[in-house]
N, C-alpha and C. Protein backbone atom coordinates (compact mmCIF):
# COMPACT_ATOMS: atom_id res chain seq x y z
N MET A 1 -86.57 -65.49 3.28
CA MET A 1 -85.68 -64.40 2.83
C MET A 1 -86.32 -63.11 3.69
N VAL A 2 -85.19 -62.35 4.32
CA VAL A 2 -85.56 -61.24 4.91
C VAL A 2 -85.70 -60.05 3.97
N GLU A 3 -86.80 -59.40 3.72
CA GLU A 3 -86.90 -58.38 2.79
C GLU A 3 -86.59 -57.12 3.38
N ARG A 4 -87.02 -56.78 4.60
CA ARG A 4 -86.64 -55.49 5.12
C ARG A 4 -86.84 -55.91 6.71
N ALA A 5 -85.82 -55.16 7.46
CA ALA A 5 -85.85 -55.07 8.90
C ALA A 5 -85.46 -53.88 9.27
N VAL A 6 -86.35 -53.16 10.05
CA VAL A 6 -86.30 -52.03 10.74
C VAL A 6 -86.45 -51.95 12.13
N SER A 7 -85.64 -51.05 12.84
CA SER A 7 -85.44 -51.11 14.42
C SER A 7 -85.35 -49.67 14.85
N ARG A 8 -86.20 -49.04 15.75
CA ARG A 8 -85.98 -47.75 16.22
C ARG A 8 -86.10 -47.73 17.70
N PRO A 9 -85.76 -46.67 18.32
CA PRO A 9 -85.84 -46.86 19.81
C PRO A 9 -87.29 -46.25 20.20
N TRP A 10 -87.47 -46.92 21.34
CA TRP A 10 -89.11 -46.79 22.02
C TRP A 10 -88.71 -46.52 23.43
N ALA A 11 -89.42 -45.52 24.11
CA ALA A 11 -89.37 -45.38 25.47
C ALA A 11 -90.83 -44.96 26.10
N SER A 12 -90.92 -45.13 27.28
CA SER A 12 -92.02 -44.81 28.00
C SER A 12 -91.63 -44.20 29.27
N ALA A 13 -92.66 -43.71 30.24
CA ALA A 13 -92.09 -43.20 31.50
C ALA A 13 -91.25 -44.18 32.23
N LEU A 14 -91.39 -45.51 32.19
CA LEU A 14 -90.79 -46.47 32.98
C LEU A 14 -89.71 -47.43 32.29
N PHE A 15 -89.93 -47.37 30.98
CA PHE A 15 -89.19 -48.39 30.19
C PHE A 15 -88.48 -48.00 29.06
N GLN A 16 -87.52 -48.47 28.37
CA GLN A 16 -87.07 -48.18 27.07
C GLN A 16 -86.54 -49.64 26.57
N GLY A 17 -86.74 -49.46 25.08
CA GLY A 17 -86.48 -50.77 24.32
C GLY A 17 -86.41 -50.29 22.92
N ARG A 18 -86.91 -51.14 22.02
CA ARG A 18 -86.86 -50.70 20.76
C ARG A 18 -88.23 -51.55 20.02
N ARG A 19 -88.58 -50.69 18.93
CA ARG A 19 -89.55 -51.25 18.05
C ARG A 19 -89.18 -51.86 16.89
N HIS A 20 -89.36 -53.05 16.58
CA HIS A 20 -88.90 -53.74 15.40
C HIS A 20 -89.73 -54.01 14.48
N VAL A 21 -89.75 -54.08 13.06
CA VAL A 21 -90.61 -54.48 12.22
C VAL A 21 -89.77 -55.42 11.05
N VAL A 22 -90.24 -56.42 10.73
CA VAL A 22 -89.38 -57.26 10.00
C VAL A 22 -90.37 -57.90 8.74
N ALA A 23 -90.10 -57.80 7.55
CA ALA A 23 -90.84 -58.45 6.47
C ALA A 23 -90.18 -59.70 5.87
N LEU A 24 -90.77 -60.74 5.64
CA LEU A 24 -90.12 -62.06 5.21
C LEU A 24 -91.01 -62.40 3.93
N THR A 25 -90.21 -63.00 2.87
CA THR A 25 -90.78 -63.71 1.88
C THR A 25 -90.44 -65.20 2.01
N LEU A 26 -91.32 -66.17 2.07
CA LEU A 26 -91.13 -67.53 2.17
C LEU A 26 -91.36 -67.99 0.69
N SER A 27 -90.38 -68.63 0.24
CA SER A 27 -90.52 -69.29 -1.25
C SER A 27 -90.70 -70.86 -1.18
N GLY A 28 -90.96 -71.44 -2.33
CA GLY A 28 -90.80 -72.72 -2.40
C GLY A 28 -92.43 -73.44 -2.38
N PRO A 29 -92.49 -74.57 -2.75
CA PRO A 29 -93.81 -75.52 -2.93
C PRO A 29 -94.48 -75.39 -1.55
N ASP A 30 -93.98 -75.32 -0.46
CA ASP A 30 -94.57 -75.55 0.65
C ASP A 30 -94.56 -74.29 1.72
N ALA A 31 -94.50 -72.98 0.80
CA ALA A 31 -94.20 -71.81 1.50
C ALA A 31 -95.47 -71.49 2.17
N ALA A 32 -96.66 -71.80 1.87
CA ALA A 32 -97.94 -71.64 2.49
C ALA A 32 -98.01 -72.26 3.91
N GLU A 33 -97.46 -73.50 3.83
CA GLU A 33 -97.73 -74.28 5.11
C GLU A 33 -96.57 -73.84 6.10
N ARG A 34 -95.36 -73.41 5.55
CA ARG A 34 -94.39 -72.88 6.49
C ARG A 34 -94.84 -71.61 7.05
N ARG A 35 -95.45 -70.81 6.30
CA ARG A 35 -95.99 -69.41 6.67
C ARG A 35 -97.17 -69.57 7.75
N ALA A 36 -98.03 -70.68 7.56
CA ALA A 36 -99.15 -70.83 8.61
C ALA A 36 -98.35 -71.58 10.00
N ALA A 37 -97.13 -72.32 9.75
CA ALA A 37 -96.50 -72.79 10.86
C ALA A 37 -95.74 -71.51 11.70
N PHE A 38 -95.17 -70.77 10.99
CA PHE A 38 -94.50 -69.78 11.44
C PHE A 38 -95.49 -68.48 12.24
N VAL A 39 -96.50 -68.46 11.89
CA VAL A 39 -97.53 -67.54 12.44
C VAL A 39 -98.37 -68.01 13.62
N GLN A 40 -98.51 -69.30 13.43
CA GLN A 40 -99.39 -69.94 14.48
C GLN A 40 -98.71 -69.93 15.86
N GLY A 41 -99.39 -69.27 16.55
CA GLY A 41 -98.82 -69.18 18.25
C GLY A 41 -97.75 -68.08 18.29
N ILE A 42 -97.39 -67.41 17.38
CA ILE A 42 -96.29 -66.30 17.59
C ILE A 42 -96.54 -65.22 18.81
N GLU A 43 -97.58 -64.99 18.72
CA GLU A 43 -98.06 -64.04 19.89
C GLU A 43 -98.09 -64.46 21.46
N GLU A 44 -98.13 -65.70 21.39
CA GLU A 44 -98.06 -66.45 22.89
C GLU A 44 -96.80 -67.10 23.10
N ALA A 45 -95.82 -67.04 21.90
CA ALA A 45 -94.46 -67.75 22.18
C ALA A 45 -93.50 -67.11 23.47
N GLU A 46 -92.86 -67.97 23.89
CA GLU A 46 -91.86 -67.27 25.05
C GLU A 46 -90.64 -67.17 23.97
N TRP A 47 -89.97 -65.89 24.24
CA TRP A 47 -88.70 -65.38 23.59
C TRP A 47 -87.60 -65.28 24.59
N SER A 48 -86.38 -65.81 24.30
CA SER A 48 -85.46 -65.62 25.04
C SER A 48 -84.35 -64.71 24.41
N LEU A 49 -84.06 -63.37 24.93
CA LEU A 49 -83.35 -62.50 24.51
C LEU A 49 -82.23 -62.01 25.54
N SER A 50 -81.08 -62.04 25.66
CA SER A 50 -80.23 -61.65 26.40
C SER A 50 -80.32 -59.91 26.93
N GLY A 51 -80.65 -59.81 28.06
CA GLY A 51 -80.94 -58.31 28.32
C GLY A 51 -82.07 -57.51 28.07
N HIS A 52 -83.01 -58.51 27.31
CA HIS A 52 -84.31 -57.81 26.79
C HIS A 52 -85.43 -58.84 26.92
N PHE A 53 -86.68 -58.37 27.17
CA PHE A 53 -87.99 -59.29 26.94
C PHE A 53 -88.79 -58.57 25.82
N VAL A 54 -89.50 -59.69 25.30
CA VAL A 54 -90.40 -59.34 24.29
C VAL A 54 -91.82 -58.93 25.06
N ALA A 55 -92.15 -57.50 24.84
CA ALA A 55 -93.26 -57.15 25.30
C ALA A 55 -94.51 -57.40 24.60
N ASP A 56 -94.30 -57.28 23.32
CA ASP A 56 -95.34 -57.36 22.30
C ASP A 56 -94.68 -57.90 21.17
N ILE A 57 -95.49 -58.63 20.37
CA ILE A 57 -95.14 -59.51 19.02
C ILE A 57 -96.64 -59.57 18.33
N SER A 58 -96.54 -59.26 17.04
CA SER A 58 -97.82 -59.31 16.26
C SER A 58 -97.49 -59.58 14.80
N ILE A 59 -98.45 -60.34 14.00
CA ILE A 59 -98.10 -60.50 12.68
C ILE A 59 -99.18 -59.18 11.98
N ASP A 60 -98.44 -58.44 11.48
CA ASP A 60 -99.26 -57.24 10.83
C ASP A 60 -99.70 -57.59 9.28
N CYS A 61 -99.19 -58.33 8.75
CA CYS A 61 -99.60 -58.58 7.42
C CYS A 61 -99.15 -60.06 6.85
N ARG A 62 -100.00 -60.81 6.21
CA ARG A 62 -99.52 -62.09 5.69
C ARG A 62 -100.49 -62.34 4.47
N ARG A 63 -99.71 -62.76 3.23
CA ARG A 63 -100.63 -62.63 2.04
C ARG A 63 -99.72 -63.61 1.18
N PRO A 64 -100.36 -64.21 0.10
CA PRO A 64 -99.59 -64.83 -0.87
C PRO A 64 -99.11 -63.83 -1.95
N VAL A 65 -98.00 -63.93 -2.38
CA VAL A 65 -97.04 -63.09 -3.36
C VAL A 65 -96.84 -64.07 -4.52
N PRO A 66 -96.38 -63.51 -5.64
CA PRO A 66 -95.88 -64.24 -6.96
C PRO A 66 -94.47 -65.07 -6.45
N ALA A 67 -93.73 -64.67 -5.50
CA ALA A 67 -92.69 -65.41 -5.09
C ALA A 67 -92.74 -66.54 -4.06
N GLY A 68 -94.03 -66.55 -3.47
CA GLY A 68 -94.38 -67.26 -2.37
C GLY A 68 -95.38 -66.73 -1.47
N GLU A 69 -94.97 -66.42 -0.23
CA GLU A 69 -95.69 -65.84 0.96
C GLU A 69 -95.08 -64.88 1.61
N TRP A 70 -95.61 -63.64 1.86
CA TRP A 70 -95.44 -62.54 2.51
C TRP A 70 -95.62 -62.54 3.99
N VAL A 71 -94.61 -62.28 4.79
CA VAL A 71 -95.23 -62.00 6.39
C VAL A 71 -94.57 -60.91 6.86
N GLU A 72 -95.10 -59.98 7.45
CA GLU A 72 -94.60 -58.78 7.86
C GLU A 72 -95.12 -58.86 9.67
N LEU A 73 -94.05 -58.80 10.47
CA LEU A 73 -94.26 -58.79 12.05
C LEU A 73 -93.76 -57.46 12.55
N SER A 74 -94.23 -57.16 13.80
CA SER A 74 -93.62 -56.12 14.60
C SER A 74 -93.61 -56.65 15.96
N ALA A 75 -92.49 -56.23 16.64
CA ALA A 75 -92.31 -56.49 17.95
C ALA A 75 -91.69 -55.42 18.81
N LEU A 76 -92.17 -55.39 19.99
CA LEU A 76 -91.69 -54.54 21.05
C LEU A 76 -90.58 -55.20 22.12
N THR A 77 -89.50 -54.96 22.13
CA THR A 77 -88.44 -55.47 23.03
C THR A 77 -88.00 -54.32 24.10
N ILE A 78 -88.25 -54.87 25.30
CA ILE A 78 -87.80 -53.99 26.41
C ILE A 78 -86.53 -54.21 27.21
N GLU A 79 -85.67 -53.40 27.55
CA GLU A 79 -84.63 -53.80 28.37
C GLU A 79 -84.92 -54.26 29.58
N ASP A 80 -84.19 -55.34 30.06
CA ASP A 80 -84.38 -55.86 31.32
C ASP A 80 -83.48 -55.68 32.28
N TRP A 81 -83.77 -54.62 33.30
CA TRP A 81 -82.77 -54.15 34.17
C TRP A 81 -82.47 -55.38 35.09
């Protein structure tokens, strides 16, 4: 379940895009296994976004919570000219 999703504009001297933060809760008896599968390799994954590319993505927080597993990630997407 998406607990929180925030996106704000980002720009440098040469590029513009958005910085995203997404917080998820995974629940169920296999939540820990699903969290591990989700975060494994996420930083090296290839992403396909129309008109943008993922310049950076990282897991900022992951921990067990009473409802299951908490994952918070951040990503920087850049407009692809």
